[in-house]
Each structure stands twice: as C-alpha cells, then as structure tokens.
Amino acid sequence: MAASSDAKRVWGPLTEGLTVPRDLDLGNRPRALKQLKVQLAAHSRMVAMIKQVLPEREAGLLIGSRPWPLLAARM
C-alpha cells in the first residue's frame, strides 16, 4: 500500500520515533487521533492545558492546525 499524502508530507523531525500509519488522514481529526493512539481523555487534558497557557487566538490556531494530531501524539 502506498503512503497517503499526509503520511509523506509529515515525515521528518516531528514524526521521529512515532509510528505514523501509511494511511494517515489529518483531514479527519478524530480518525487521525485514533490512528496515532492519542486517547480521548489525554487529548482533552492537553487541549485544556494549552488553552490555559496560550492566549485564546494562538491556542485556537495551534489546536485547529492540520498537524495538531501529530503534536498531540508527540506530547
């Protein structure tokens, strides 16, 4: 099976040490989080923590960004 465009695009330092599925789909946030084995409770805690630390706009941009599931998996 060929790697998805998302899997190819994100390969690099951010994914070093992570198991990135060949069919990674960052356009489907719930699926991407599941593919990267980010548990829902842990994800909720990360989002809450980021919202406490960063200004609202910056937190929204970070959490809403396409590569967010990778950052969450990295954390």
PDB file of N, CA and C in Angstrom:
ATOM      1  N   MET A   1       0.844  -1.184   0.000  1.00  0.00           N
ATOM      2  CA  MET A   1       0.000   0.000   0.000  1.00  0.00           C
ATOM      3  C   MET A   1       0.887   1.243   0.000  1.00  0.00           C
ATOM      4  N   ALA A   2       0.567   2.181  -0.855  1.00  0.00           N
ATOM      5  CA  ALA A   2       1.306   3.429  -0.927  1.00  0.00           C
ATOM      6  C   ALA A   2       0.948   4.319   0.261  1.00  0.00           C
ATOM      7  N   ALA A   3       1.891   5.141   0.675  1.00  0.00           N
ATOM      8  CA  ALA A   3       1.653   6.052   1.788  1.00  0.00           C
ATOM      9  C   ALA A   3       0.745   7.191   1.337  1.00  0.00           C
ATOM     10  N   SER A   4      -0.117   7.632   2.246  1.00  0.00           N
ATOM     11  CA  SER A   4      -1.002   8.757   1.952  1.00  0.00           C
ATOM     12  C   SER A   4      -0.177  10.038   1.810  1.00  0.00           C
ATOM     13  N   SER A   5      -0.759  11.042   1.203  1.00  0.00           N
ATOM     14  CA  SER A   5      -0.029  12.308   1.043  1.00  0.00           C
ATOM     15  C   SER A   5       0.275  12.922   2.409  1.00  0.00           C
ATOM     16  N   ASP A   6      -0.641  12.763   3.385  1.00  0.00           N
ATOM     17  CA  ASP A   6      -0.366  13.277   4.730  1.00  0.00           C
ATOM     18  C   ASP A   6       0.817  12.553   5.355  1.00  0.00           C
ATOM     19  N   ALA A   7       0.860  11.230   5.229  1.00  0.00           N
ATOM     20  CA  ALA A   7       1.964  10.461   5.802  1.00  0.00           C
ATOM     21  C   ALA A   7       3.292  10.881   5.175  1.00  0.00           C
ATOM     22  N   LYS A   8       3.300  11.126   3.880  1.00  0.00           N
ATOM     23  CA  LYS A   8       4.526  11.566   3.204  1.00  0.00           C
ATOM     24  C   LYS A   8       4.912  12.975   3.626  1.00  0.00           C
ATOM     25  N   ARG A   9       3.932  13.857   3.709  1.00  0.00           N
ATOM     26  CA  ARG A   9       4.177  15.269   3.988  1.00  0.00           C
ATOM     27  C   ARG A   9       4.745  15.495   5.381  1.00  0.00           C
ATOM     28  N   VAL A  10       4.319  14.706   6.361  1.00  0.00           N
ATOM     29  CA  VAL A  10       4.716  14.966   7.744  1.00  0.00           C
ATOM     30  C   VAL A  10       6.000  14.250   8.151  1.00  0.00           C
ATOM     31  N   TRP A  11       6.534  13.403   7.283  1.00  0.00           N
ATOM     32  CA  TRP A  11       7.740  12.675   7.638  1.00  0.00           C
ATOM     33  C   TRP A  11       8.863  13.651   7.935  1.00  0.00           C
ATOM     34  N   GLY A  12       9.514  13.481   9.057  1.00  0.00           N
ATOM     35  CA  GLY A  12      10.629  14.346   9.423  1.00  0.00           C
ATOM     36  C   GLY A  12      10.794  14.412  10.923  1.00  0.00           C
ATOM     37  N   PRO A  13      11.414  15.467  11.436  1.00  0.00           N
ATOM     38  CA  PRO A  13      11.704  15.566  12.862  1.00  0.00           C
ATOM     39  C   PRO A  13      10.463  15.444  13.766  1.00  0.00           C
ATOM     40  N   LEU A  14       9.336  15.972  13.333  1.00  0.00           N
ATOM     41  CA  LEU A  14       8.126  15.909  14.146  1.00  0.00           C
ATOM     42  C   LEU A  14       7.653  14.482  14.362  1.00  0.00           C
ATOM     43  N   THR A  15       7.910  13.618  13.398  1.00  0.00           N
ATOM     44  CA  THR A  15       7.421  12.243  13.492  1.00  0.00           C
ATOM     45  C   THR A  15       8.498  11.256  13.929  1.00  0.00           C
ATOM     46  N   GLU A  16       9.701  11.739  14.191  1.00  0.00           N
ATOM     47  CA  GLU A  16      10.779  10.838  14.598  1.00  0.00           C
ATOM     48  C   GLU A  16      10.386  10.103  15.879  1.00  0.00           C
ATOM     49  N   GLY A  17      10.451   8.800  15.833  1.00  0.00           N
ATOM     50  CA  GLY A  17      10.105   7.982  16.985  1.00  0.00           C
ATOM     51  C   GLY A  17       8.630   7.639  17.090  1.00  0.00           C
ATOM     52  N   LEU A  18       7.786   8.260  16.265  1.00  0.00           N
ATOM     53  CA  LEU A  18       6.359   7.951  16.251  1.00  0.00           C
ATOM     54  C   LEU A  18       6.081   6.909  15.181  1.00  0.00           C
ATOM     55  N   THR A  19       5.076   6.103  15.418  1.00  0.00           N
ATOM     56  CA  THR A  19       4.616   5.181  14.398  1.00  0.00           C
ATOM     57  C   THR A  19       3.516   5.887  13.610  1.00  0.00           C
ATOM     58  N   VAL A  20       3.843   6.312  12.409  1.00  0.00           N
ATOM     59  CA  VAL A  20       2.892   7.037  11.569  1.00  0.00           C
ATOM     60  C   VAL A  20       2.266   6.056  10.591  1.00  0.00           C
ATOM     61  N   PRO A  21       0.950   5.867  10.681  1.00  0.00           N
ATOM     62  CA  PRO A  21       0.285   4.950   9.763  1.00  0.00           C
ATOM     63  C   PRO A  21       0.436   5.415   8.315  1.00  0.00           C
ATOM     64  N   ARG A  22       0.586   4.467   7.414  1.00  0.00           N
ATOM     65  CA  ARG A  22       0.744   4.809   5.999  1.00  0.00           C
ATOM     66  C   ARG A  22      -0.500   5.476   5.432  1.00  0.00           C
ATOM     67  N   ASP A  23      -1.670   5.232   6.065  1.00  0.00           N
ATOM     68  CA  ASP A  23      -2.912   5.843   5.572  1.00  0.00           C
ATOM     69  C   ASP A  23      -3.359   7.003   6.455  1.00  0.00           C
ATOM     70  N   LEU A  24      -2.412   7.680   7.108  1.00  0.00           N
ATOM     71  CA  LEU A  24      -2.726   8.807   7.982  1.00  0.00           C
ATOM     72  C   LEU A  24      -3.566   9.841   7.235  1.00  0.00           C
ATOM     73  N   ASP A  25      -4.638  10.285   7.885  1.00  0.00           N
ATOM     74  CA  ASP A  25      -5.535  11.272   7.283  1.00  0.00           C
ATOM     75  C   ASP A  25      -5.731  12.409   8.278  1.00  0.00           C
ATOM     76  N   LEU A  26      -4.925  13.456   8.156  1.00  0.00           N
ATOM     77  CA  LEU A  26      -5.013  14.587   9.074  1.00  0.00           C
ATOM     78  C   LEU A  26      -6.248  15.448   8.823  1.00  0.00           C
ATOM     79  N   GLY A  27      -6.939  15.204   7.732  1.00  0.00           N
ATOM     80  CA  GLY A  27      -8.174  15.924   7.440  1.00  0.00           C
ATOM     81  C   GLY A  27      -9.347  15.398   8.248  1.00  0.00           C
ATOM     82  N   ASN A  28      -9.191  14.241   8.852  1.00  0.00           N
ATOM     83  CA  ASN A  28     -10.228  13.633   9.690  1.00  0.00           C
ATOM     84  C   ASN A  28      -9.649  13.558  11.101  1.00  0.00           C
ATOM     85  N   ARG A  29      -9.862  14.620  11.870  1.00  0.00           N
ATOM     86  CA  ARG A  29      -9.229  14.764  13.196  1.00  0.00           C
ATOM     87  C   ARG A  29      -9.475  13.567  14.119  1.00  0.00           C
ATOM     88  N   PRO A  30     -10.726  13.148  14.329  1.00  0.00           N
ATOM     89  CA  PRO A  30     -10.942  12.005  15.235  1.00  0.00           C
ATOM     90  C   PRO A  30     -10.212  10.740  14.770  1.00  0.00           C
ATOM     91  N   ARG A  31     -10.231  10.492  13.468  1.00  0.00           N
ATOM     92  CA  ARG A  31      -9.554   9.302  12.943  1.00  0.00           C
ATOM     93  C   ARG A  31      -8.045   9.418  13.110  1.00  0.00           C
ATOM     94  N   ALA A  32      -7.490  10.596  12.832  1.00  0.00           N
ATOM     95  CA  ALA A  32      -6.045  10.795  12.955  1.00  0.00           C
ATOM     96  C   ALA A  32      -5.594  10.594  14.400  1.00  0.00           C
ATOM     97  N   LEU A  33      -6.356  11.131  15.348  1.00  0.00           N
ATOM     98  CA  LEU A  33      -6.003  10.943  16.752  1.00  0.00           C
ATOM     99  C   LEU A  33      -6.036   9.465  17.120  1.00  0.00           C
ATOM    100  N   LYS A  34      -7.040   8.764  16.618  1.00  0.00           N
ATOM    101  CA  LYS A  34      -7.141   7.328  16.880  1.00  0.00           C
ATOM    102  C   LYS A  34      -5.987   6.582  16.213  1.00  0.00           C
ATOM    103  N   GLN A  35      -5.670   6.940  14.967  1.00  0.00           N
ATOM    104  CA  GLN A  35      -4.569   6.289  14.244  1.00  0.00           C
ATOM    105  C   GLN A  35      -3.244   6.466  14.992  1.00  0.00           C
ATOM    106  N   LEU A  36      -3.082   7.633  15.613  1.00  0.00           N
ATOM    107  CA  LEU A  36      -1.839   7.947  16.317  1.00  0.00           C
ATOM    108  C   LEU A  36      -1.885   7.514  17.783  1.00  0.00           C
ATOM    109  N   LYS A  37      -2.985   6.827  18.157  1.00  0.00           N
ATOM    110  CA  LYS A  37      -3.161   6.280  19.500  1.00  0.00           C
ATOM    111  C   LYS A  37      -3.160   7.341  20.593  1.00  0.00           C
ATOM    112  N   VAL A  38      -3.775   8.496  20.294  1.00  0.00           N
ATOM    113  CA  VAL A  38      -3.952   9.545  21.293  1.00  0.00           C
ATOM    114  C   VAL A  38      -5.296   9.297  21.960  1.00  0.00           C
ATOM    115  N   GLN A  39      -5.274   8.987  23.254  1.00  0.00           N
ATOM    116  CA  GLN A  39      -6.507   8.703  23.974  1.00  0.00           C
ATOM    117  C   GLN A  39      -7.319   9.981  24.172  1.00  0.00           C
ATOM    118  N   LEU A  40      -8.633   9.846  24.105  1.00  0.00           N
ATOM    119  CA  LEU A  40      -9.543  10.983  24.192  1.00  0.00           C
ATOM    120  C   LEU A  40      -9.337  11.783  25.471  1.00  0.00           C
ATOM    121  N   ALA A  41      -9.214  11.109  26.606  1.00  0.00           N
ATOM    122  CA  ALA A  41      -9.029  11.812  27.881  1.00  0.00           C
ATOM    123  C   ALA A  41      -7.720  12.593  27.899  1.00  0.00           C
ATOM    124  N   ALA A  42      -6.650  11.993  27.395  1.00  0.00           N
ATOM    125  CA  ALA A  42      -5.357  12.679  27.345  1.00  0.00           C
ATOM    126  C   ALA A  42      -5.429  13.876  26.402  1.00  0.00           C
ATOM    127  N   HIS A  43      -6.110  13.705  25.282  1.00  0.00           N
ATOM    128  CA  HIS A  43      -6.256  14.800  24.328  1.00  0.00           C
ATOM    129  C   HIS A  43      -7.012  15.965  24.967  1.00  0.00           C
ATOM    130  N   SER A  44      -8.074  15.671  25.677  1.00  0.00           N
ATOM    131  CA  SER A  44      -8.858  16.717  26.347  1.00  0.00           C
ATOM    132  C   SER A  44      -8.010  17.477  27.365  1.00  0.00           C
ATOM    133  N   ARG A  45      -7.171  16.758  28.107  1.00  0.00           N
ATOM    134  CA  ARG A  45      -6.289  17.414  29.091  1.00  0.00           C
ATOM    135  C   ARG A  45      -5.276  18.313  28.392  1.00  0.00           C
ATOM    136  N   MET A  46      -4.711  17.848  27.270  1.00  0.00           N
ATOM    137  CA  MET A  46      -3.741  18.666  26.535  1.00  0.00           C
ATOM    138  C   MET A  46      -4.387  19.949  26.029  1.00  0.00           C
ATOM    139  N   VAL A  47      -5.581  19.818  25.454  1.00  0.00           N
ATOM    140  CA  VAL A  47      -6.287  20.984  24.929  1.00  0.00           C
ATOM    141  C   VAL A  47      -6.573  21.973  26.055  1.00  0.00           C
ATOM    142  N   ALA A  48      -7.045  21.487  27.192  1.00  0.00           N
ATOM    143  CA  ALA A  48      -7.346  22.365  28.327  1.00  0.00           C
ATOM    144  C   ALA A  48      -6.086  23.073  28.818  1.00  0.00           C
ATOM    145  N   MET A  49      -4.981  22.343  28.884  1.00  0.00           N
ATOM    146  CA  MET A  49      -3.728  22.929  29.342  1.00  0.00           C
ATOM    147  C   MET A  49      -3.252  24.032  28.388  1.00  0.00           C
ATOM    148  N   ILE A  50      -3.332  23.765  27.104  1.00  0.00           N
ATOM    149  CA  ILE A  50      -2.899  24.756  26.116  1.00  0.00           C
ATOM    150  C   ILE A  50      -3.772  26.000  26.187  1.00  0.00           C
ATOM    151  N   LYS A  51      -5.067  25.808  26.385  1.00  0.00           N
ATOM    152  CA  LYS A  51      -5.985  26.949  26.487  1.00  0.00           C
ATOM    153  C   LYS A  51      -5.714  27.780  27.733  1.00  0.00           C
ATOM    154  N   GLN A  52      -5.157  27.175  28.772  1.00  0.00           N
ATOM    155  CA  GLN A  52      -4.807  27.910  29.985  1.00  0.00           C
ATOM    156  C   GLN A  52      -3.536  28.727  29.800  1.00  0.00           C
ATOM    157  N   VAL A  53      -2.616  28.213  29.004  1.00  0.00           N
ATOM    158  CA  VAL A  53      -1.296  28.814  28.879  1.00  0.00           C
ATOM    159  C   VAL A  53      -1.218  29.862  27.771  1.00  0.00           C
ATOM    160  N   LEU A  54      -1.824  29.576  26.634  1.00  0.00           N
ATOM    161  CA  LEU A  54      -1.721  30.474  25.479  1.00  0.00           C
ATOM    162  C   LEU A  54      -2.919  31.400  25.392  1.00  0.00           C
ATOM    163  N   PRO A  55      -2.731  32.574  24.786  1.00  0.00           N
ATOM    164  CA  PRO A  55      -3.885  33.438  24.509  1.00  0.00           C
ATOM    165  C   PRO A  55      -4.883  32.684  23.624  1.00  0.00           C
ATOM    166  N   GLU A  56      -6.136  33.059  23.714  1.00  0.00           N
ATOM    167  CA  GLU A  56      -7.224  32.340  23.030  1.00  0.00           C
ATOM    168  C   GLU A  56      -6.965  32.146  21.541  1.00  0.00           C
ATOM    169  N   ARG A  57      -6.549  33.201  20.862  1.00  0.00           N
ATOM    170  CA  ARG A  57      -6.335  33.115  19.411  1.00  0.00           C
ATOM    171  C   ARG A  57      -5.232  32.123  19.067  1.00  0.00           C
ATOM    172  N   GLU A  58      -4.096  32.233  19.762  1.00  0.00           N
ATOM    173  CA  GLU A  58      -2.973  31.346  19.486  1.00  0.00           C
ATOM    174  C   GLU A  58      -3.313  29.896  19.824  1.00  0.00           C
ATOM    175  N   ALA A  59      -4.024  29.695  20.925  1.00  0.00           N
ATOM    176  CA  ALA A  59      -4.430  28.333  21.297  1.00  0.00           C
ATOM    177  C   ALA A  59      -5.331  27.745  20.219  1.00  0.00           C
ATOM    178  N   GLY A  60      -6.266  28.534  19.735  1.00  0.00           N
ATOM    179  CA  GLY A  60      -7.175  28.072  18.696  1.00  0.00           C
ATOM    180  C   GLY A  60      -6.446  27.720  17.404  1.00  0.00           C
ATOM    181  N   LEU A  61      -5.480  28.559  17.040  1.00  0.00           N
ATOM    182  CA  LEU A  61      -4.706  28.291  15.820  1.00  0.00           C
ATOM    183  C   LEU A  61      -3.879  27.016  15.960  1.00  0.00           C
ATOM    184  N   LEU A  62      -3.273  26.819  17.119  1.00  0.00           N
ATOM    185  CA  LEU A  62      -2.463  25.619  17.335  1.00  0.00           C
ATOM    186  C   LEU A  62      -3.324  24.365  17.328  1.00  0.00           C
ATOM    187  N   ILE A  63      -4.378  24.371  18.117  1.00  0.00           N
ATOM    188  CA  ILE A  63      -5.227  23.194  18.245  1.00  0.00           C
ATOM    189  C   ILE A  63      -5.980  22.915  16.946  1.00  0.00           C
ATOM    190  N   GLY A  64      -6.315  23.945  16.209  1.00  0.00           N
ATOM    191  CA  GLY A  64      -7.046  23.781  14.962  1.00  0.00           C
ATOM    192  C   GLY A  64      -6.176  23.483  13.753  1.00  0.00           C
ATOM    193  N   SER A  65      -4.870  23.497  13.938  1.00  0.00           N
ATOM    194  CA  SER A  65      -3.972  23.283  12.798  1.00  0.00           C
ATOM    195  C   SER A  65      -4.035  21.835  12.315  1.00  0.00           C
ATOM    196  N   ARG A  66      -3.800  21.662  11.058  1.00  0.00           N
ATOM    197  CA  ARG A  66      -3.861  20.319  10.453  1.00  0.00           C
ATOM    198  C   ARG A  66      -2.907  19.329  11.126  1.00  0.00           C
ATOM    199  N   PRO A  67      -1.664  19.726  11.462  1.00  0.00           N
ATOM    200  CA  PRO A  67      -0.770  18.746  12.090  1.00  0.00           C
ATOM    201  C   PRO A  67      -0.995  18.544  13.595  1.00  0.00           C
ATOM    202  N   TRP A  68      -2.038  19.162  14.171  1.00  0.00           N
ATOM    203  CA  TRP A  68      -2.277  19.041  15.607  1.00  0.00           C
ATOM    204  C   TRP A  68      -2.260  17.592  16.103  1.00  0.00           C
ATOM    205  N   PRO A  69      -2.898  16.631  15.442  1.00  0.00           N
ATOM    206  CA  PRO A  69      -2.851  15.264  15.963  1.00  0.00           C
ATOM    207  C   PRO A  69      -1.403  14.743  16.146  1.00  0.00           C
ATOM    208  N   LEU A  70      -0.498  15.155  15.282  1.00  0.00           N
ATOM    209  CA  LEU A  70       0.896  14.743  15.422  1.00  0.00           C
ATOM    210  C   LEU A  70       1.525  15.383  16.661  1.00  0.00           C
ATOM    211  N   LEU A  71       1.213  16.653  16.884  1.00  0.00           N
ATOM    212  CA  LEU A  71       1.732  17.328  18.079  1.00  0.00           C
ATOM    213  C   LEU A  71       1.168  16.672  19.331  1.00  0.00           C
ATOM    214  N   ALA A  72      -0.109  16.337  19.303  1.00  0.00           N
ATOM    215  CA  ALA A  72      -0.730  15.673  20.450  1.00  0.00           C
ATOM    216  C   ALA A  72      -0.076  14.320  20.692  1.00  0.00           C
ATOM    217  N   ALA A  73       0.206  13.587  19.645  1.00  0.00           N
ATOM    218  CA  ALA A  73       0.867  12.291  19.788  1.00  0.00           C
ATOM    219  C   ALA A  73       2.276  12.470  20.333  1.00  0.00           C
ATOM    220  N   ARG A  74       2.919  13.526  19.941  1.00  0.00           N
ATOM    221  CA  ARG A  74       4.278  13.819  20.380  1.00  0.00           C
ATOM    222  C   ARG A  74       4.291  14.129  21.889  1.00  0.00           C
ATOM    223  N   MET A  75       3.232  14.779  22.367  1.00  0.00           N
ATOM    224  CA  MET A  75       3.152  15.140  23.792  1.00  0.00           C
ATOM    225  C   MET A  75       2.877  13.917  24.620  1.00  0.00           C
TER     226      MET A  75
END
